[in-house]
Amino acid sequence: MSGLIRRTLLLGGLVAAAGGVALWRWRSPQGTEIAYGKGPSRTLDIHYPRGLSAKSILVCFHDGDFAAGDKTDIAVWPELLAAGIAVVRVNTRLSGEAQWPAQADDALDAIIHLQREGAALGLDPTRMAIMGKGAGAYLAVTVALSLVEVGLSPKGVVSLYGPMDFSTLDADLATLGRNPGRGPANEPESSESRLLGFAVGDRPEEARAASPLAKLDNLREPLPPILIRHGDADVMVPDLQAKRLREAWLAAGPKSAIDYELVPGAGHGGEAFETGDVRADVLAFVTRALA
């Protein structure tokens, strides 16, 4: 991460802290739409709970194989708002618009905006958790680790059925005896290859270097608590990816709290991750992390 990004993030944190008094006086309508950078894709929306107190934040990134989807695909769970947590849904550029790491840069820019404008937006960016689903989990874990690198660790991270290392996706599916549900990741036309701008199978070391697991390889900082859930019948992103994340997180932060479970019978996303035990687990984890 560049020194400029580090300084900007740290400045944002100081600005938010300095604006603490104003945080308690601001009230905004539901679903506030905000541009955090230039271009139609670089937007976020904020869903506020009722009340006048400073709001803790859950920042969410959507699924869509990096090539499709929108922040509006993310359901705003009313239980979060009832717990006094503002839900921020973020759009970043898709792979058809820009190649990696543009998406990671966008995610950081969104966080910087929340840091800088926290007081004006009625948010408390010192109480922030980050969540992603599918491709959004790859992005959420990446940006969370970037924040750890600059000493602005989020309070918690939620990773739901996300890929974590493109270079091992095909091998992991083969190990589990599953045929790829969307074609091999190693091929030039895969969503992962289009995101990176090269065939994953031709340059696996570079694909690995772009992953959040590579970030964890080089981190020896205290890590925030993380909740990981993945379907044990996923034929698009094998659940071994979740295991790899758990192991890398533990290696980088042996004392970190890791809540890891596979979801029996669940595939890639769907109702199993919106209802029942997974929903209850995520709500309990986020509420506890932001208390």
Protein backbone atom coordinates (compact mmCIF):
# COMPACT_ATOMS: atom_id res chain seq x y z
CA MET A 1 0.00 0.00 0.00
CA SER A 2 1.37 3.42 -0.91
CA GLY A 3 2.39 5.98 1.69
CA LEU A 4 -0.28 8.30 0.30
CA ILE A 5 -3.03 5.78 1.03
CA ARG A 6 -1.63 5.17 4.50
CA ARG A 7 -1.55 8.90 5.28
CA THR A 8 -5.02 9.42 3.86
CA LEU A 9 -6.51 6.61 5.91
CA LEU A 10 -4.83 7.79 9.08
CA LEU A 11 -5.97 11.35 8.42
CA GLY A 12 -9.48 10.08 7.92
CA GLY A 13 -9.42 8.34 11.27
CA LEU A 14 -8.22 11.50 13.00
CA VAL A 15 -10.88 13.60 11.31
CA ALA A 16 -13.60 11.19 12.37
CA ALA A 17 -12.36 11.17 15.94
CA ALA A 18 -12.17 14.96 16.03
CA GLY A 19 -15.74 15.15 14.81
CA GLY A 20 -17.13 13.11 17.69
CA VAL A 21 -19.43 15.84 19.01
CA ALA A 22 -21.05 16.38 15.63
CA LEU A 23 -21.58 12.64 15.26
CA TRP A 24 -24.21 12.73 17.95
CA ARG A 25 -26.30 15.45 16.32
CA TRP A 26 -26.76 14.26 12.74
CA ARG A 27 -29.80 12.45 11.41
CA SER A 28 -30.28 11.31 7.82
CA PRO A 29 -33.02 9.58 5.83
CA GLN A 30 -32.91 5.91 4.91
CA GLY A 31 -30.94 4.78 1.86
CA THR A 32 -28.73 7.84 1.41
CA GLU A 33 -26.87 7.52 -1.91
CA ILE A 34 -23.30 8.87 -1.99
CA ALA A 35 -20.57 9.05 -4.63
CA TYR A 36 -17.23 8.31 -2.98
CA GLY A 37 -15.24 8.84 -6.19
CA LYS A 38 -15.57 9.72 -9.87
CA GLY A 39 -17.52 7.42 -12.16
CA PRO A 40 -20.97 5.82 -11.95
CA SER A 41 -19.74 2.62 -10.31
CA ARG A 42 -18.06 4.27 -7.34
CA THR A 43 -21.07 4.76 -5.11
CA LEU A 44 -22.33 3.59 -1.75
CA ASP A 45 -25.60 3.83 0.10
CA ILE A 46 -26.25 4.13 3.81
CA HIS A 47 -29.23 2.70 5.67
CA TYR A 48 -29.61 4.25 9.08
CA PRO A 49 -31.21 2.95 12.25
CA ARG A 50 -33.47 5.28 14.13
CA GLY A 51 -32.15 7.59 16.80
CA LEU A 52 -29.67 10.41 17.13
CA SER A 53 -26.62 8.59 18.49
CA ALA A 54 -23.45 7.94 16.51
CA LYS A 55 -23.93 4.87 14.38
CA SER A 56 -21.60 1.90 14.20
CA ILE A 57 -21.19 0.61 10.65
CA LEU A 58 -21.40 -2.66 8.76
CA VAL A 59 -19.83 -2.21 5.30
CA CYS A 60 -21.03 -4.79 2.75
CA PHE A 61 -19.72 -5.94 -0.64
CA HIS A 62 -21.89 -7.91 -3.09
CA ASP A 63 -21.44 -11.14 -5.04
CA GLY A 64 -21.41 -11.45 -8.83
CA ASP A 65 -18.11 -13.10 -9.90
CA PHE A 66 -16.52 -9.64 -10.07
CA ALA A 67 -18.31 -9.11 -13.39
CA ALA A 68 -21.93 -8.46 -12.40
CA GLY A 69 -24.17 -7.57 -9.49
CA ASP A 70 -24.94 -4.40 -7.61
CA LYS A 71 -25.02 -3.21 -4.01
CA THR A 72 -28.81 -3.25 -4.14
CA ASP A 73 -28.58 -7.05 -4.34
CA ILE A 74 -27.59 -7.01 -0.67
CA ALA A 75 -30.56 -7.30 1.67
CA VAL A 76 -30.52 -4.85 4.57
CA TRP A 77 -31.46 -7.02 7.53
CA PRO A 78 -33.82 -5.12 9.84
CA GLU A 79 -32.23 -6.76 12.87
CA LEU A 80 -29.04 -4.80 12.19
CA LEU A 81 -30.88 -1.50 12.11
CA ALA A 82 -32.77 -2.46 15.25
CA ALA A 83 -29.39 -3.04 16.94
CA GLY A 84 -28.34 0.54 16.08
CA ILE A 85 -26.00 -0.47 13.26
CA ALA A 86 -25.91 1.49 10.00
CA VAL A 87 -25.56 -0.69 6.89
CA VAL A 88 -23.32 0.67 4.14
CA ARG A 89 -23.50 -1.12 0.77
CA VAL A 90 -20.62 -0.43 -1.63
CA ASN A 91 -20.30 -0.68 -5.39
CA THR A 92 -16.86 -0.97 -6.96
CA ARG A 93 -15.90 -1.15 -10.60
CA LEU A 94 -16.64 -4.51 -12.23
CA SER A 95 -14.05 -6.49 -14.18
CA GLY A 96 -15.52 -5.27 -17.49
CA GLU A 97 -14.65 -1.72 -16.45
CA ALA A 98 -11.25 -2.20 -14.82
CA GLN A 99 -8.87 -4.96 -13.80
CA TRP A 100 -7.64 -5.80 -10.33
CA PRO A 101 -6.52 -4.06 -8.15
CA ALA A 102 -8.96 -1.31 -9.18
CA GLN A 103 -11.68 -2.99 -7.10
CA ALA A 104 -9.49 -3.03 -4.00
CA ASP A 105 -8.58 0.61 -4.60
CA ASP A 106 -12.28 1.48 -4.86
CA ALA A 107 -13.07 -0.36 -1.64
CA LEU A 108 -10.34 1.57 0.16
CA ASP A 109 -11.60 4.85 -1.29
CA ALA A 110 -15.06 4.06 0.08
CA ILE A 111 -13.58 3.41 3.53
CA ILE A 112 -11.55 6.63 3.30
CA HIS A 113 -14.75 8.52 2.50
CA LEU A 114 -16.47 7.06 5.54
CA GLN A 115 -13.44 7.95 7.67
CA ARG A 116 -13.32 11.54 6.43
CA GLU A 117 -17.04 12.23 6.43
CA GLY A 118 -18.08 10.25 9.47
CA ALA A 119 -19.11 13.27 11.50
CA ALA A 120 -21.19 14.77 8.69
CA LEU A 121 -22.79 11.42 7.89
CA GLY A 122 -23.74 10.61 11.46
CA LEU A 123 -21.45 7.58 11.55
CA ASP A 124 -18.70 6.44 13.89
CA PRO A 125 -15.98 4.92 11.68
CA THR A 126 -14.04 3.77 14.74
CA ARG A 127 -16.79 1.12 15.10
CA MET A 128 -16.79 -0.61 11.73
CA ALA A 129 -17.17 -4.21 10.60
CA ILE A 130 -16.80 -5.45 7.03
CA MET A 131 -18.77 -8.21 5.29
CA GLY A 132 -18.74 -9.77 1.83
CA LYS A 133 -20.52 -12.55 -0.04
CA GLY A 134 -18.88 -14.59 -2.80
CA ALA A 135 -16.64 -12.27 -4.82
CA GLY A 136 -17.51 -9.59 -2.28
CA ALA A 137 -15.91 -11.70 0.45
CA TYR A 138 -12.62 -11.69 -1.48
CA LEU A 139 -12.85 -7.91 -1.57
CA ALA A 140 -14.02 -7.55 2.04
CA VAL A 141 -11.14 -9.63 3.42
CA THR A 142 -8.64 -7.80 1.22
CA VAL A 143 -9.73 -4.32 2.33
CA ALA A 144 -9.96 -5.40 5.98
CA LEU A 145 -6.33 -6.55 5.85
CA SER A 146 -5.30 -3.27 4.19
CA LEU A 147 -6.84 -1.48 7.16
CA VAL A 148 -4.93 -3.75 9.55
CA GLU A 149 -1.72 -2.79 7.75
CA VAL A 150 -2.22 0.90 8.57
CA GLY A 151 -3.33 0.40 12.16
CA LEU A 152 -7.04 0.98 11.54
CA SER A 153 -8.27 -2.56 11.99
CA PRO A 154 -12.02 -3.10 11.67
CA LYS A 155 -13.86 -4.52 14.63
CA GLY A 156 -14.81 -7.67 12.75
CA VAL A 157 -14.86 -9.36 9.35
CA VAL A 158 -17.53 -11.65 7.84
CA SER A 159 -16.62 -13.86 4.89
CA LEU A 160 -19.46 -15.80 3.26
CA TYR A 161 -18.67 -18.41 0.56
CA GLY A 162 -15.88 -16.39 -1.01
CA PRO A 163 -12.88 -17.41 -3.12
CA MET A 164 -9.60 -16.66 -1.38
CA ASP A 165 -6.89 -17.91 -3.76
CA PHE A 166 -7.69 -18.13 -7.48
CA SER A 167 -4.62 -20.25 -8.15
CA THR A 168 -6.00 -23.20 -6.16
CA LEU A 169 -9.70 -23.07 -7.09
CA ASP A 170 -9.57 -25.82 -9.71
CA ALA A 171 -7.30 -28.06 -7.64
CA ASP A 172 -9.55 -27.66 -4.61
CA LEU A 173 -12.62 -28.68 -6.62
CA ALA A 174 -10.73 -31.69 -7.95
CA THR A 175 -9.66 -32.68 -4.44
CA LEU A 176 -13.31 -32.66 -3.40
CA GLY A 177 -14.35 -34.57 -6.51
CA ARG A 178 -16.56 -31.80 -7.87
CA ASN A 179 -16.88 -30.57 -11.44
CA PRO A 180 -16.57 -26.76 -11.72
CA GLY A 181 -20.04 -25.26 -11.74
CA ARG A 182 -18.96 -22.34 -13.94
CA GLY A 183 -15.95 -23.67 -15.83
CA PRO A 184 -12.29 -23.89 -14.76
CA ALA A 185 -10.84 -20.82 -13.07
CA ASN A 186 -7.51 -21.45 -14.79
CA GLU A 187 -8.95 -20.80 -18.26
CA PRO A 188 -8.45 -17.38 -19.95
CA GLU A 189 -12.20 -16.68 -20.08
CA SER A 190 -12.93 -17.38 -16.43
CA SER A 191 -14.24 -14.57 -14.25
CA GLU A 192 -11.04 -14.72 -12.20
CA SER A 193 -8.79 -14.47 -15.28
CA ARG A 194 -10.82 -11.57 -16.67
CA LEU A 195 -10.50 -9.78 -13.35
CA LEU A 196 -6.71 -10.20 -13.21
CA GLY A 197 -6.09 -9.61 -16.92
CA PHE A 198 -4.29 -12.91 -17.51
CA ALA A 199 -5.07 -16.61 -17.46
CA VAL A 200 -4.82 -17.84 -13.88
CA GLY A 201 -3.48 -21.20 -15.07
CA ASP A 202 -0.63 -19.53 -16.97
CA ARG A 203 0.55 -17.37 -14.08
CA PRO A 204 -0.53 -19.02 -10.81
CA GLU A 205 2.13 -17.29 -8.73
CA GLU A 206 0.83 -13.87 -9.79
CA ALA A 207 -2.74 -14.96 -9.14
CA ARG A 208 -1.74 -16.05 -5.65
CA ALA A 209 0.05 -12.74 -5.07
CA ALA A 210 -3.21 -10.87 -5.73
CA SER A 211 -5.07 -12.84 -3.07
CA PRO A 212 -5.95 -11.92 0.51
CA LEU A 213 -4.06 -15.06 1.56
CA ALA A 214 -0.87 -13.50 0.19
CA LYS A 215 -1.54 -10.46 2.36
CA LEU A 216 -1.90 -12.74 5.37
CA ASP A 217 1.42 -14.41 4.55
CA ASN A 218 3.14 -11.08 5.18
CA LEU A 219 1.10 -9.88 8.18
CA ARG A 220 2.15 -10.28 11.76
CA GLU A 221 -0.24 -7.75 13.27
CA PRO A 222 -3.12 -8.40 15.66
CA LEU A 223 -6.08 -9.43 13.53
CA PRO A 224 -9.75 -8.67 14.12
CA PRO A 225 -12.23 -11.46 14.82
CA ILE A 226 -13.55 -13.16 11.70
CA LEU A 227 -16.64 -15.22 10.95
CA ILE A 228 -16.36 -17.64 8.01
CA ARG A 229 -19.28 -19.60 6.56
CA HIS A 230 -19.22 -21.72 3.39
CA GLY A 231 -21.51 -24.34 1.91
CA ASP A 232 -20.11 -27.86 1.93
CA ALA A 233 -21.79 -28.60 -1.42
CA ASP A 234 -20.54 -25.51 -3.29
CA VAL A 235 -19.50 -26.42 -6.85
CA MET A 236 -18.52 -22.87 -7.81
CA VAL A 237 -16.16 -21.97 -4.96
CA PRO A 238 -14.99 -25.07 -3.07
CA ASP A 239 -15.22 -24.97 0.72
CA LEU A 240 -11.49 -25.72 0.91
CA GLN A 241 -11.10 -22.00 0.15
CA ALA A 242 -12.74 -21.22 3.48
CA LYS A 243 -10.40 -23.66 5.20
CA ARG A 244 -7.43 -21.96 3.57
CA LEU A 245 -8.63 -18.60 4.89
CA ARG A 246 -9.05 -19.98 8.39
CA GLU A 247 -5.57 -21.50 8.39
CA ALA A 248 -3.90 -18.37 7.00
CA TRP A 249 -5.75 -16.13 9.48
CA LEU A 250 -4.66 -18.35 12.35
CA ALA A 251 -1.05 -18.43 11.14
CA ALA A 252 -0.90 -14.63 10.87
CA GLY A 253 -2.74 -14.01 14.15
CA PRO A 254 -2.54 -17.03 16.47
CA LYS A 255 -4.56 -15.23 19.13
CA SER A 256 -7.30 -14.02 16.81
CA ALA A 257 -10.89 -15.15 17.27
CA ILE A 258 -12.10 -17.28 14.33
CA ASP A 259 -15.68 -18.48 14.01
CA TYR A 260 -15.52 -21.05 11.20
CA GLU A 261 -18.23 -23.44 10.10
CA LEU A 262 -19.31 -25.20 6.94
CA VAL A 263 -23.01 -25.06 6.12
CA PRO A 264 -24.34 -28.60 5.55
CA GLY A 265 -25.84 -29.15 2.11
CA ALA A 266 -25.50 -25.50 1.06
CA GLY A 267 -24.25 -24.48 -2.36
CA HIS A 268 -22.95 -21.11 -3.51
CA GLY A 269 -25.06 -18.54 -1.67
CA GLY A 270 -28.82 -18.69 -1.63
CA GLU A 271 -31.37 -18.98 1.13
CA ALA A 272 -29.05 -20.85 3.49
CA PHE A 273 -27.02 -17.65 3.89
CA GLU A 274 -29.99 -15.32 4.31
CA THR A 275 -32.02 -17.21 6.91
CA GLY A 276 -31.70 -19.69 9.74
CA ASP A 277 -28.48 -20.43 11.57
CA VAL A 278 -26.15 -18.47 9.29
CA ARG A 279 -28.21 -15.31 9.58
CA ALA A 280 -28.42 -15.72 13.36
CA ASP A 281 -24.67 -16.32 13.59
CA VAL A 282 -23.81 -13.28 11.48
CA LEU A 283 -26.16 -11.02 13.43
CA ALA A 284 -24.75 -12.20 16.76
CA PHE A 285 -21.16 -11.83 15.56
CA VAL A 286 -21.60 -8.32 14.10
CA THR A 287 -23.62 -7.07 17.07
CA ARG A 288 -21.00 -8.36 19.47
CA ALA A 289 -18.09 -6.94 17.44
CA LEU A 290 -19.67 -3.48 17.27
CA ALA A 291 -20.93 -3.32 20.85
